Amino acid sequence: MSTGDLCMERGIQADKAYAFIREQLLSGNFKPGERLAEQALCESAGVNRGDVRQAFSRFLVEGLVVRGERGGIFVRRYTEQDLMETFEVRQILETAAVRLAVERATEQDLQELEETARHMLMMAENGYILGVGEGDLRFHNLLVKAAHNNKLYNLYIRANIPLSSVNFIKKEKEKDIGHKGLIQDSLDHVKMAESLRQKNVNSVLELISKNNFNG
């Protein structure tokens, strides 16, 4: 294998480690404050320690993890202020995405949004908060993806919040507004998908604002 091929292979493995661990972080498989074990991640992702450490460096820049005072990498604990600022950024990016998506969304995009919203509603009706949180993240990622602008989408996914934090918000929200409130929140996502299909920009943006700042 040439030097160029070797470098390319290392780059592929590093990207593989990054994508795998990032998915684990955002899916809520690690709790806030939990230490990330290098060896276990190497075995799970099928990569070496160097690849995992490169991924850690990228996560430190993105703010998904922090370095411990005595070493080690830990899942970041989000404060209420962190979450509010992230929701504000997400709303700005989602607003831009919606204005593009009303013209660029494909039939497949629209169907995936509608199916995800219906799944969220089913989870809410059954009181499955984890399912609602997963659906919420997927729905908004799909919404931004429907703009078909890679730079916008890449900015957006960097502003994602680990599902463990999203689920905390959902649990607190259920305490405040009750089970019926979570169902209404899911119905709003159904309406969002319908409004996008109808190219009703104002309706989608109103619902996005309501969703982001209600948690």
N, C-alpha and C. Protein backbone atom coordinates (compact mmCIF):
# COMPACT_ATOMS: atom_id res chain seq x y z
N MET A 1 0.85 -1.20 0.00
CA MET A 1 0.00 0.00 0.00
C MET A 1 0.88 1.25 0.00
N SER A 2 0.61 2.20 -0.92
CA SER A 2 1.40 3.41 -1.00
C SER A 2 1.12 4.33 0.18
N THR A 3 1.99 5.34 0.34
CA THR A 3 1.80 6.30 1.44
C THR A 3 0.46 7.01 1.31
N GLY A 4 0.13 7.38 0.05
CA GLY A 4 -1.14 8.06 -0.19
C GLY A 4 -2.33 7.20 0.17
N ASP A 5 -2.26 5.92 -0.21
CA ASP A 5 -3.35 4.99 0.10
C ASP A 5 -3.47 4.79 1.60
N LEU A 6 -2.33 4.73 2.28
CA LEU A 6 -2.33 4.53 3.73
C LEU A 6 -2.98 5.72 4.43
N CYS A 7 -2.64 6.93 3.98
CA CYS A 7 -3.23 8.14 4.57
C CYS A 7 -4.74 8.17 4.34
N MET A 8 -5.14 7.75 3.13
CA MET A 8 -6.57 7.74 2.82
C MET A 8 -7.30 6.73 3.71
N GLU A 9 -6.69 5.56 3.92
CA GLU A 9 -7.30 4.54 4.76
C GLU A 9 -7.43 5.03 6.19
N ARG A 10 -6.40 5.71 6.69
CA ARG A 10 -6.45 6.24 8.05
C ARG A 10 -7.56 7.29 8.18
N GLY A 11 -7.70 8.10 7.13
CA GLY A 11 -8.75 9.11 7.14
C GLY A 11 -10.13 8.49 7.17
N ILE A 12 -10.30 7.42 6.41
CA ILE A 12 -11.59 6.72 6.37
C ILE A 12 -11.91 6.13 7.74
N GLN A 13 -10.92 5.53 8.38
CA GLN A 13 -11.13 4.93 9.71
C GLN A 13 -11.43 6.00 10.75
N ALA A 14 -10.75 7.14 10.64
CA ALA A 14 -11.01 8.23 11.59
C ALA A 14 -12.43 8.76 11.43
N ASP A 15 -12.87 8.89 10.18
CA ASP A 15 -14.24 9.35 9.92
C ASP A 15 -15.26 8.33 10.42
N LYS A 16 -14.90 7.05 10.27
CA LYS A 16 -15.78 5.98 10.75
C LYS A 16 -15.95 6.07 12.26
N ALA A 17 -14.85 6.29 12.97
CA ALA A 17 -14.90 6.42 14.43
C ALA A 17 -15.73 7.62 14.83
N TYR A 18 -15.51 8.73 14.15
CA TYR A 18 -16.25 9.97 14.44
C TYR A 18 -17.75 9.77 14.26
N ALA A 19 -18.14 9.20 13.12
CA ALA A 19 -19.57 9.02 12.82
C ALA A 19 -20.22 8.07 13.82
N PHE A 20 -19.51 6.99 14.15
CA PHE A 20 -20.07 5.98 15.07
C PHE A 20 -20.27 6.57 16.47
N ILE A 21 -19.23 7.21 17.00
CA ILE A 21 -19.32 7.73 18.37
C ILE A 21 -20.30 8.89 18.44
N ARG A 22 -20.33 9.72 17.41
CA ARG A 22 -21.26 10.86 17.41
C ARG A 22 -22.70 10.37 17.45
N GLU A 23 -22.97 9.33 16.70
CA GLU A 23 -24.32 8.77 16.70
C GLU A 23 -24.67 8.25 18.09
N GLN A 24 -23.71 7.62 18.76
CA GLN A 24 -23.94 7.12 20.12
C GLN A 24 -24.21 8.27 21.09
N LEU A 25 -23.47 9.36 20.93
CA LEU A 25 -23.66 10.52 21.79
C LEU A 25 -25.03 11.15 21.60
N LEU A 26 -25.40 11.37 20.34
CA LEU A 26 -26.66 12.04 20.05
C LEU A 26 -27.87 11.15 20.31
N SER A 27 -27.66 9.84 20.28
CA SER A 27 -28.77 8.91 20.52
C SER A 27 -29.04 8.72 22.01
N GLY A 28 -28.22 9.34 22.85
CA GLY A 28 -28.45 9.23 24.29
C GLY A 28 -27.94 7.95 24.91
N ASN A 29 -27.03 7.26 24.20
CA ASN A 29 -26.49 6.01 24.76
C ASN A 29 -25.48 6.26 25.88
N PHE A 30 -25.02 7.50 26.00
CA PHE A 30 -24.14 7.88 27.10
C PHE A 30 -24.83 8.95 27.92
N LYS A 31 -24.71 8.85 29.23
CA LYS A 31 -25.35 9.82 30.11
C LYS A 31 -24.47 11.07 30.27
N PRO A 32 -25.08 12.23 30.54
CA PRO A 32 -24.29 13.44 30.81
C PRO A 32 -23.32 13.18 31.96
N GLY A 33 -22.05 13.53 31.75
CA GLY A 33 -21.03 13.33 32.78
C GLY A 33 -20.36 11.97 32.72
N GLU A 34 -20.82 11.08 31.85
CA GLU A 34 -20.23 9.73 31.76
C GLU A 34 -18.88 9.79 31.05
N ARG A 35 -17.92 9.02 31.56
CA ARG A 35 -16.61 8.94 30.93
C ARG A 35 -16.67 8.01 29.72
N LEU A 36 -16.05 8.43 28.62
CA LEU A 36 -16.02 7.61 27.41
C LEU A 36 -14.78 6.71 27.45
N ALA A 37 -15.01 5.42 27.36
CA ALA A 37 -13.92 4.44 27.44
C ALA A 37 -13.35 4.18 26.05
N GLU A 38 -12.08 4.52 25.86
CA GLU A 38 -11.44 4.39 24.55
C GLU A 38 -11.49 2.96 24.02
N GLN A 39 -11.06 2.00 24.85
CA GLN A 39 -10.96 0.63 24.37
C GLN A 39 -12.31 0.07 23.96
N ALA A 40 -13.32 0.33 24.76
CA ALA A 40 -14.66 -0.17 24.44
C ALA A 40 -15.16 0.42 23.13
N LEU A 41 -14.88 1.70 22.90
CA LEU A 41 -15.30 2.35 21.66
C LEU A 41 -14.52 1.82 20.46
N CYS A 42 -13.24 1.53 20.67
CA CYS A 42 -12.43 0.93 19.60
C CYS A 42 -13.05 -0.39 19.14
N GLU A 43 -13.41 -1.22 20.11
CA GLU A 43 -13.97 -2.53 19.80
C GLU A 43 -15.34 -2.40 19.15
N SER A 44 -16.16 -1.49 19.63
CA SER A 44 -17.51 -1.32 19.09
C SER A 44 -17.48 -0.77 17.66
N ALA A 45 -16.57 0.18 17.41
CA ALA A 45 -16.51 0.83 16.10
C ALA A 45 -15.60 0.10 15.12
N GLY A 46 -14.77 -0.81 15.63
CA GLY A 46 -13.85 -1.53 14.76
C GLY A 46 -12.71 -0.65 14.27
N VAL A 47 -12.21 0.22 15.15
CA VAL A 47 -11.13 1.14 14.79
C VAL A 47 -10.05 1.08 15.87
N ASN A 48 -8.96 1.84 15.67
CA ASN A 48 -7.90 1.84 16.68
C ASN A 48 -8.00 3.07 17.59
N ARG A 49 -7.13 3.11 18.60
CA ARG A 49 -7.18 4.20 19.58
C ARG A 49 -6.91 5.57 18.95
N GLY A 50 -6.02 5.59 17.97
CA GLY A 50 -5.72 6.85 17.30
C GLY A 50 -6.96 7.45 16.64
N ASP A 51 -7.76 6.58 16.03
CA ASP A 51 -8.99 7.04 15.37
C ASP A 51 -9.98 7.59 16.39
N VAL A 52 -10.10 6.90 17.52
CA VAL A 52 -11.01 7.34 18.57
C VAL A 52 -10.55 8.67 19.15
N ARG A 53 -9.24 8.83 19.33
CA ARG A 53 -8.72 10.08 19.89
C ARG A 53 -8.93 11.25 18.93
N GLN A 54 -8.82 10.98 17.63
CA GLN A 54 -9.12 12.03 16.65
C GLN A 54 -10.58 12.46 16.75
N ALA A 55 -11.45 11.47 16.94
CA ALA A 55 -12.88 11.77 17.09
C ALA A 55 -13.11 12.60 18.34
N PHE A 56 -12.44 12.23 19.43
CA PHE A 56 -12.57 13.00 20.68
C PHE A 56 -12.18 14.46 20.47
N SER A 57 -11.09 14.68 19.72
CA SER A 57 -10.63 16.04 19.46
C SER A 57 -11.70 16.85 18.73
N ARG A 58 -12.37 16.22 17.79
CA ARG A 58 -13.44 16.90 17.04
C ARG A 58 -14.63 17.19 17.94
N PHE A 59 -14.94 16.26 18.83
CA PHE A 59 -16.07 16.46 19.75
C PHE A 59 -15.79 17.58 20.75
N LEU A 60 -14.52 17.70 21.15
CA LEU A 60 -14.14 18.78 22.06
C LEU A 60 -14.38 20.14 21.41
N VAL A 61 -14.03 20.25 20.13
CA VAL A 61 -14.26 21.49 19.38
C VAL A 61 -15.76 21.76 19.24
N GLU A 62 -16.53 20.71 19.00
CA GLU A 62 -17.98 20.85 18.82
C GLU A 62 -18.71 21.08 20.13
N GLY A 63 -18.04 20.80 21.25
CA GLY A 63 -18.67 21.01 22.55
C GLY A 63 -19.53 19.86 23.03
N LEU A 64 -19.43 18.70 22.38
CA LEU A 64 -20.22 17.54 22.81
C LEU A 64 -19.61 16.85 24.03
N VAL A 65 -18.30 17.00 24.20
CA VAL A 65 -17.60 16.37 25.33
C VAL A 65 -16.68 17.40 25.98
N VAL A 66 -16.19 17.06 27.17
CA VAL A 66 -15.23 17.91 27.87
C VAL A 66 -14.09 17.03 28.39
N ARG A 67 -12.94 17.65 28.62
CA ARG A 67 -11.80 16.91 29.17
C ARG A 67 -11.82 17.04 30.69
N GLY A 68 -11.67 15.92 31.39
CA GLY A 68 -11.68 15.94 32.84
C GLY A 68 -10.44 16.59 33.42
N GLU A 69 -10.56 17.10 34.64
CA GLU A 69 -9.42 17.76 35.29
C GLU A 69 -8.24 16.81 35.46
N ARG A 70 -8.54 15.53 35.66
CA ARG A 70 -7.47 14.53 35.83
C ARG A 70 -7.32 13.66 34.59
N GLY A 71 -7.76 14.17 33.46
CA GLY A 71 -7.67 13.41 32.23
C GLY A 71 -8.98 12.70 31.91
N GLY A 72 -9.03 12.11 30.74
CA GLY A 72 -10.24 11.42 30.32
C GLY A 72 -11.21 12.36 29.62
N ILE A 73 -12.08 11.77 28.82
CA ILE A 73 -13.08 12.52 28.07
C ILE A 73 -14.46 12.17 28.61
N PHE A 74 -15.26 13.18 28.89
CA PHE A 74 -16.57 12.99 29.50
C PHE A 74 -17.67 13.65 28.67
N VAL A 75 -18.84 13.04 28.68
CA VAL A 75 -19.99 13.61 27.98
C VAL A 75 -20.37 14.92 28.66
N ARG A 76 -20.56 15.94 27.86
CA ARG A 76 -20.85 17.26 28.41
C ARG A 76 -22.20 17.29 29.12
N ARG A 77 -22.23 17.99 30.25
CA ARG A 77 -23.50 18.27 30.94
C ARG A 77 -24.00 19.63 30.45
N TYR A 78 -25.19 19.65 29.89
CA TYR A 78 -25.76 20.89 29.37
C TYR A 78 -26.51 21.64 30.46
N THR A 79 -26.20 22.94 30.60
CA THR A 79 -26.95 23.78 31.52
C THR A 79 -28.21 24.28 30.82
N GLU A 80 -29.11 24.85 31.59
CA GLU A 80 -30.33 25.41 31.01
C GLU A 80 -29.99 26.51 30.01
N GLN A 81 -28.96 27.31 30.31
CA GLN A 81 -28.53 28.38 29.40
C GLN A 81 -27.97 27.80 28.11
N ASP A 82 -27.17 26.72 28.21
CA ASP A 82 -26.64 26.05 27.02
C ASP A 82 -27.77 25.61 26.11
N LEU A 83 -28.78 24.99 26.71
CA LEU A 83 -29.89 24.46 25.93
C LEU A 83 -30.66 25.59 25.26
N MET A 84 -30.91 26.67 25.98
CA MET A 84 -31.65 27.79 25.41
C MET A 84 -30.90 28.39 24.22
N GLU A 85 -29.59 28.57 24.38
CA GLU A 85 -28.79 29.14 23.30
C GLU A 85 -28.77 28.22 22.08
N THR A 86 -28.71 26.92 22.33
CA THR A 86 -28.72 25.96 21.23
C THR A 86 -30.06 25.98 20.51
N PHE A 87 -31.15 26.05 21.26
CA PHE A 87 -32.47 26.13 20.63
C PHE A 87 -32.60 27.40 19.79
N GLU A 88 -32.01 28.50 20.25
CA GLU A 88 -32.06 29.75 19.48
C GLU A 88 -31.33 29.59 18.14
N VAL A 89 -30.14 28.97 18.18
CA VAL A 89 -29.37 28.74 16.96
C VAL A 89 -30.14 27.81 16.02
N ARG A 90 -30.70 26.75 16.60
CA ARG A 90 -31.46 25.80 15.79
C ARG A 90 -32.64 26.49 15.09
N GLN A 91 -33.31 27.39 15.79
CA GLN A 91 -34.45 28.05 15.18
C GLN A 91 -34.01 28.93 14.01
N ILE A 92 -32.89 29.63 14.17
CA ILE A 92 -32.38 30.47 13.08
C ILE A 92 -32.08 29.62 11.85
N LEU A 93 -31.40 28.48 12.07
CA LEU A 93 -31.04 27.61 10.95
C LEU A 93 -32.27 26.93 10.35
N GLU A 94 -33.21 26.53 11.20
CA GLU A 94 -34.43 25.89 10.70
C GLU A 94 -35.27 26.87 9.89
N THR A 95 -35.29 28.13 10.30
CA THR A 95 -36.04 29.15 9.56
C THR A 95 -35.48 29.29 8.15
N ALA A 96 -34.15 29.34 8.04
CA ALA A 96 -33.52 29.42 6.72
C ALA A 96 -33.81 28.17 5.90
N ALA A 97 -33.77 27.01 6.58
CA ALA A 97 -34.00 25.74 5.88
C ALA A 97 -35.42 25.64 5.34
N VAL A 98 -36.39 26.08 6.12
CA VAL A 98 -37.80 25.99 5.69
C VAL A 98 -38.02 26.82 4.43
N ARG A 99 -37.42 28.00 4.37
CA ARG A 99 -37.61 28.88 3.21
C ARG A 99 -37.06 28.24 1.94
N LEU A 100 -36.03 27.41 2.09
CA LEU A 100 -35.50 26.67 0.94
C LEU A 100 -36.30 25.40 0.68
N ALA A 101 -36.70 24.73 1.76
CA ALA A 101 -37.38 23.44 1.63
C ALA A 101 -38.74 23.55 0.94
N VAL A 102 -39.43 24.66 1.11
CA VAL A 102 -40.75 24.78 0.46
C VAL A 102 -40.62 24.71 -1.06
N GLU A 103 -39.44 25.03 -1.58
CA GLU A 103 -39.21 24.97 -3.02
C GLU A 103 -38.44 23.73 -3.44
N ARG A 104 -37.65 23.17 -2.53
CA ARG A 104 -36.73 22.09 -2.92
C ARG A 104 -37.10 20.71 -2.40
N ALA A 105 -37.96 20.62 -1.41
CA ALA A 105 -38.29 19.31 -0.82
C ALA A 105 -38.87 18.37 -1.87
N THR A 106 -38.37 17.15 -1.88
CA THR A 106 -38.88 16.13 -2.80
C THR A 106 -40.06 15.40 -2.16
N GLU A 107 -40.72 14.59 -2.95
CA GLU A 107 -41.82 13.80 -2.41
C GLU A 107 -41.32 12.85 -1.33
N GLN A 108 -40.13 12.31 -1.52
CA GLN A 108 -39.56 11.42 -0.50
C GLN A 108 -39.30 12.19 0.80
N ASP A 109 -38.79 13.41 0.69
CA ASP A 109 -38.58 14.25 1.88
C ASP A 109 -39.88 14.43 2.64
N LEU A 110 -40.94 14.79 1.92
CA LEU A 110 -42.23 15.06 2.54
C LEU A 110 -42.81 13.81 3.20
N GLN A 111 -42.68 12.68 2.52
CA GLN A 111 -43.20 11.43 3.08
C GLN A 111 -42.45 11.04 4.35
N GLU A 112 -41.12 11.21 4.36
CA GLU A 112 -40.34 10.86 5.56
C GLU A 112 -40.72 11.76 6.73
N LEU A 113 -40.95 13.03 6.47
CA LEU A 113 -41.38 13.95 7.52
C LEU A 113 -42.74 13.55 8.07
N GLU A 114 -43.66 13.22 7.19
CA GLU A 114 -45.01 12.84 7.61
C GLU A 114 -44.99 11.55 8.41
N GLU A 115 -44.20 10.57 7.96
CA GLU A 115 -44.10 9.30 8.68
C GLU A 115 -43.47 9.48 10.06
N THR A 116 -42.45 10.31 10.14
CA THR A 116 -41.78 10.56 11.42
C THR A 116 -42.72 11.26 12.39
N ALA A 117 -43.48 12.23 11.90
CA ALA A 117 -44.44 12.95 12.76
C ALA A 117 -45.52 12.01 13.27
N ARG A 118 -46.01 11.14 12.41
CA ARG A 118 -47.04 10.18 12.85
C ARG A 118 -46.48 9.22 13.89
N HIS A 119 -45.22 8.82 13.70
CA HIS A 119 -44.58 7.93 14.68
C HIS A 119 -44.42 8.64 16.02
N MET A 120 -44.05 9.91 15.99
CA MET A 120 -43.96 10.71 17.22
C MET A 120 -45.29 10.72 17.95
N LEU A 121 -46.36 10.92 17.20
CA LEU A 121 -47.69 10.98 17.79
C LEU A 121 -48.05 9.66 18.45
N MET A 122 -47.73 8.56 17.79
CA MET A 122 -48.00 7.24 18.35
C MET A 122 -47.23 7.04 19.65
N MET A 123 -45.95 7.46 19.67
CA MET A 123 -45.13 7.35 20.87
C MET A 123 -45.71 8.19 22.01
N ALA A 124 -46.16 9.40 21.67
CA ALA A 124 -46.73 10.30 22.69
C ALA A 124 -48.02 9.72 23.26
N GLU A 125 -48.86 9.17 22.41
CA GLU A 125 -50.13 8.59 22.86
C GLU A 125 -49.90 7.44 23.82
N ASN A 126 -48.77 6.74 23.64
CA ASN A 126 -48.45 5.61 24.51
C ASN A 126 -47.54 6.00 25.67
N GLY A 127 -47.26 7.31 25.80
CA GLY A 127 -46.44 7.78 26.91
C GLY A 127 -44.98 7.40 26.83
N TYR A 128 -44.49 7.14 25.63
CA TYR A 128 -43.10 6.70 25.45
C TYR A 128 -42.23 7.93 25.17
N ILE A 129 -41.71 8.54 26.22
CA ILE A 129 -40.97 9.80 26.09
C ILE A 129 -39.71 9.64 25.25
N LEU A 130 -38.98 8.52 25.42
CA LEU A 130 -37.78 8.29 24.62
C LEU A 130 -38.12 8.31 23.14
N GLY A 131 -39.22 7.66 22.78
CA GLY A 131 -39.64 7.63 21.38
C GLY A 131 -39.98 9.01 20.85
N VAL A 132 -40.60 9.84 21.70
CA VAL A 132 -40.93 11.21 21.29
C VAL A 132 -39.64 11.99 21.05
N GLY A 133 -38.67 11.84 21.95
CA GLY A 133 -37.40 12.55 21.80
C GLY A 133 -36.66 12.13 20.54
N GLU A 134 -36.62 10.82 20.27
CA GLU A 134 -35.97 10.32 19.06
C GLU A 134 -36.66 10.87 17.82
N GLY A 135 -37.99 10.85 17.85
CA GLY A 135 -38.76 11.34 16.71
C GLY A 135 -38.54 12.83 16.48
N ASP A 136 -38.46 13.59 17.57
CA ASP A 136 -38.25 15.03 17.46
C ASP A 136 -36.92 15.34 16.78
N LEU A 137 -35.85 14.67 17.22
CA LEU A 137 -34.54 14.89 16.61
C LEU A 137 -34.55 14.51 15.13
N ARG A 138 -35.13 13.36 14.83
CA ARG A 138 -35.17 12.89 13.44
C ARG A 138 -35.98 13.86 12.58
N PHE A 139 -37.12 14.31 13.08
CA PHE A 139 -37.99 15.19 12.30
C PHE A 139 -37.26 16.48 11.91
N HIS A 140 -36.63 17.10 12.90
CA HIS A 140 -35.98 18.39 12.61
C HIS A 140 -34.74 18.22 11.74
N ASN A 141 -34.03 17.10 11.89
CA ASN A 141 -32.91 16.83 10.99
C ASN A 141 -33.40 16.66 9.56
N LEU A 142 -34.51 15.93 9.39
CA LEU A 142 -35.09 15.73 8.07
C LEU A 142 -35.58 17.05 7.47
N LEU A 143 -36.14 17.89 8.33
CA LEU A 143 -36.65 19.18 7.87
C LEU A 143 -35.53 20.03 7.27
N VAL A 144 -34.40 20.08 7.97
CA VAL A 144 -33.27 20.87 7.47
C VAL A 144 -32.66 20.20 6.24
N LYS A 145 -32.62 18.88 6.25
CA LYS A 145 -32.07 18.15 5.10
C LYS A 145 -32.89 18.40 3.84
N ALA A 146 -34.18 18.64 4.02
CA ALA A 146 -35.08 18.89 2.87
C ALA A 146 -34.76 20.19 2.16
N ALA A 147 -33.93 21.04 2.75
CA ALA A 147 -33.50 22.28 2.09
C ALA A 147 -32.48 21.99 0.99
N HIS A 148 -31.87 20.80 1.05
CA HIS A 148 -30.86 20.38 0.07
C HIS A 148 -29.74 21.41 -0.06
N ASN A 149 -29.22 21.81 1.10
CA ASN A 149 -28.06 22.69 1.17
C ASN A 149 -27.10 22.08 2.19
N ASN A 150 -26.03 21.47 1.69
CA ASN A 150 -25.13 20.71 2.55
C ASN A 150 -24.46 21.57 3.62
N LYS A 151 -24.08 22.78 3.28
CA LYS A 151 -23.42 23.64 4.27
C LYS A 151 -24.37 24.00 5.41
N LEU A 152 -25.61 24.28 5.07
CA LEU A 152 -26.62 24.58 6.09
C LEU A 152 -26.86 23.36 6.98
N TYR A 153 -26.95 22.20 6.36
CA TYR A 153 -27.20 20.97 7.12
C TYR A 153 -26.03 20.67 8.06
N ASN A 154 -24.80 20.85 7.57
CA ASN A 154 -23.63 20.58 8.42
C ASN A 154 -23.58 21.52 9.61
N LEU A 155 -23.94 22.78 9.41
CA LEU A 155 -24.02 23.72 10.53
C LEU A 155 -25.06 23.26 11.54
N TYR A 156 -26.17 22.77 11.02
CA TYR A 156 -27.28 22.38 11.88
C TYR A 156 -26.94 21.17 12.74
N ILE A 157 -26.34 20.15 12.14
CA ILE A 157 -26.07 18.94 12.93
C ILE A 157 -25.03 19.22 14.01
N ARG A 158 -24.20 20.25 13.82
CA ARG A 158 -23.25 20.62 14.87
C ARG A 158 -23.95 21.28 16.05
N ALA A 159 -25.18 21.74 15.80
CA ALA A 159 -25.96 22.37 16.88
C ALA A 159 -26.93 21.38 17.51
N ASN A 160 -26.78 20.09 17.19
CA ASN A 160 -27.65 19.09 17.78
C ASN A 160 -27.35 18.91 19.26
N ILE A 161 -28.35 18.46 19.98
CA ILE A 161 -28.24 18.23 21.42
C ILE A 161 -28.35 16.73 21.67
N PRO A 162 -27.48 16.14 22.51
CA PRO A 162 -27.62 14.71 22.81
C PRO A 162 -29.02 14.37 23.29
N LEU A 163 -29.50 13.23 22.86
CA LEU A 163 -30.88 12.83 23.17
C LEU A 163 -31.11 12.73 24.67
N SER A 164 -30.07 12.40 25.43
CA SER A 164 -30.24 12.32 26.88
C SER A 164 -30.69 13.66 27.44
N SER A 165 -30.18 14.76 26.87
CA SER A 165 -30.60 16.10 27.30
C SER A 165 -31.98 16.43 26.78
N VAL A 166 -32.26 16.03 25.53
CA VAL A 166 -33.59 16.27 24.96
C VAL A 166 -34.65 15.54 25.77
N ASN A 167 -34.34 14.31 26.17
CA ASN A 167 -35.31 13.53 26.94
C ASN A 167 -35.55 14.13 28.31
N PHE A 168 -34.50 14.74 28.89
CA PHE A 168 -34.70 15.44 30.16
C PHE A 168 -35.69 16.57 29.97
N ILE A 169 -35.53 17.31 28.86
CA ILE A 169 -36.46 18.41 28.56
C ILE A 169 -37.87 17.86 28.40
N LYS A 170 -38.00 16.74 27.66
CA LYS A 170 -39.32 16.16 27.43
C LYS A 170 -39.96 15.71 28.74
N LYS A 171 -39.14 15.14 29.63
CA LYS A 171 -39.68 14.69 30.92
C LYS A 171 -40.14 15.87 31.75
N GLU A 172 -39.33 16.94 31.77
CA GLU A 172 -39.73 18.13 32.51
C GLU A 172 -40.98 18.74 31.89
N LYS A 173 -41.04 18.68 30.57
CA LYS A 173 -42.19 19.24 29.87
C LYS A 173 -43.45 18.46 30.22
N GLU A 174 -43.32 17.14 30.31
CA GLU A 174 -44.49 16.33 30.64
C GLU A 174 -44.99 16.68 32.04
N LYS A 175 -44.05 16.97 32.96
CA LYS A 175 -44.46 17.38 34.31
C LYS A 175 -45.27 18.67 34.25
N ASP A 176 -44.83 19.59 33.37
CA ASP A 176 -45.47 20.90 33.30
C ASP A 176 -46.80 20.87 32.56
N ILE A 177 -46.84 20.18 31.42
CA ILE A 177 -48.04 20.26 30.58
C ILE A 177 -48.82 18.95 30.52
N GLY A 178 -48.26 17.88 31.10
CA GLY A 178 -48.98 16.62 31.14
C GLY A 178 -48.92 15.82 29.85
N HIS A 179 -49.48 14.63 29.91
CA HIS A 179 -49.47 13.72 28.78
C HIS A 179 -50.17 14.32 27.56
N LYS A 180 -51.28 15.02 27.79
CA LYS A 180 -52.01 15.63 26.67
C LYS A 180 -51.16 16.68 25.97
N GLY A 181 -50.32 17.36 26.75
CA GLY A 181 -49.45 18.38 26.17
C GLY A 181 -48.43 17.77 25.22
N LEU A 182 -47.87 16.60 25.59
CA LEU A 182 -46.92 15.93 24.71
C LEU A 182 -47.60 15.47 23.43
N ILE A 183 -48.85 15.04 23.55
CA ILE A 183 -49.60 14.64 22.37
C ILE A 183 -49.80 15.85 21.46
N GLN A 184 -50.14 17.00 22.05
CA GLN A 184 -50.32 18.22 21.26
C GLN A 184 -49.02 18.62 20.57
N ASP A 185 -47.91 18.46 21.29
CA ASP A 185 -46.60 18.76 20.72
C ASP A 185 -46.35 17.90 19.48
N SER A 186 -46.71 16.63 19.56
CA SER A 186 -46.53 15.73 18.42
C SER A 186 -47.48 16.08 17.29
N LEU A 187 -48.70 16.47 17.65
CA LEU A 187 -49.66 16.91 16.62
C LEU A 187 -49.14 18.14 15.88
N ASP A 188 -48.43 19.00 16.59
CA ASP A 188 -47.83 20.17 15.95
C ASP A 188 -46.83 19.75 14.88
N HIS A 189 -46.12 18.65 15.13
CA HIS A 189 -45.17 18.16 14.12
C HIS A 189 -45.91 17.60 12.91
N VAL A 190 -47.04 16.97 13.16
CA VAL A 190 -47.87 16.49 12.04
C VAL A 190 -48.31 17.68 11.20
N LYS A 191 -48.74 18.75 11.87
CA LYS A 191 -49.18 19.97 11.17
C LYS A 191 -48.02 20.62 10.42
N MET A 192 -46.82 20.55 11.01
CA MET A 192 -45.63 21.11 10.36
C MET A 192 -45.39 20.43 9.02
N ALA A 193 -45.46 19.09 9.03
CA ALA A 193 -45.25 18.33 7.81
C ALA A 193 -46.32 18.66 6.77
N GLU A 194 -47.56 18.77 7.22
CA GLU A 194 -48.66 19.10 6.31
C GLU A 194 -48.48 20.49 5.72
N SER A 195 -48.07 21.43 6.55
CA SER A 195 -47.89 22.82 6.10
C SER A 195 -46.75 22.93 5.09
N LEU A 196 -45.69 22.14 5.29
CA LEU A 196 -44.59 22.17 4.34
C LEU A 196 -45.06 21.64 2.99
N ARG A 197 -45.84 20.59 3.01
CA ARG A 197 -46.38 20.05 1.75
C ARG A 197 -47.23 21.10 1.04
N GLN A 198 -47.96 21.89 1.82
CA GLN A 198 -48.82 22.94 1.26
C GLN A 198 -48.06 24.22 0.95
N LYS A 199 -46.74 24.22 1.22
CA LYS A 199 -45.87 25.38 1.00
C LYS A 199 -46.32 26.59 1.82
N ASN A 200 -46.86 26.31 3.00
CA ASN A 200 -47.32 27.37 3.91
C ASN A 200 -46.17 27.72 4.86
N VAL A 201 -45.29 28.61 4.40
CA VAL A 201 -44.08 28.95 5.16
C VAL A 201 -44.40 29.49 6.54
N ASN A 202 -45.34 30.43 6.62
CA ASN A 202 -45.64 31.07 7.90
C ASN A 202 -46.13 30.08 8.95
N SER A 203 -46.94 29.11 8.52
CA SER A 203 -47.45 28.11 9.45
C SER A 203 -46.31 27.25 9.99
N VAL A 204 -45.41 26.82 9.11
CA VAL A 204 -44.28 25.99 9.55
C VAL A 204 -43.40 26.76 10.53
N LEU A 205 -43.10 28.01 10.21
CA LEU A 205 -42.23 28.81 11.06
C LEU A 205 -42.85 29.09 12.42
N GLU A 206 -44.16 29.31 12.44
CA GLU A 206 -44.85 29.53 13.72
C GLU A 206 -44.77 28.31 14.61
N LEU A 207 -44.94 27.13 14.01
CA LEU A 207 -44.88 25.88 14.76
C LEU A 207 -43.46 25.58 15.23
N ILE A 208 -42.46 25.91 14.41
CA ILE A 208 -41.06 25.71 14.80
C ILE A 208 -40.73 26.56 16.02
N SER A 209 -41.16 27.82 15.99
CA SER A 209 -40.90 28.72 17.11
C SER A 209 -41.55 28.19 18.38
N LYS A 210 -42.76 27.73 18.27
CA LYS A 210 -43.49 27.17 19.41
C LYS A 210 -42.76 25.95 19.96
N ASN A 211 -42.30 25.08 19.06
CA ASN A 211 -41.63 23.84 19.47
C ASN A 211 -40.29 24.10 20.13
N ASN A 212 -39.49 24.98 19.54
CA ASN A 212 -38.15 25.24 20.08
C ASN A 212 -38.20 25.87 21.46
N PHE A 213 -39.06 26.83 21.65
CA PHE A 213 -39.03 27.56 22.91
C PHE A 213 -39.97 27.00 23.96
N ASN A 214 -40.67 25.92 23.61
CA ASN A 214 -41.40 25.17 24.63
C ASN A 214 -40.60 23.95 25.05
N GLY A 215 -39.43 23.72 24.39
CA GLY A 215 -38.57 22.61 24.78
C GLY A 215 -38.76 21.41 23.93
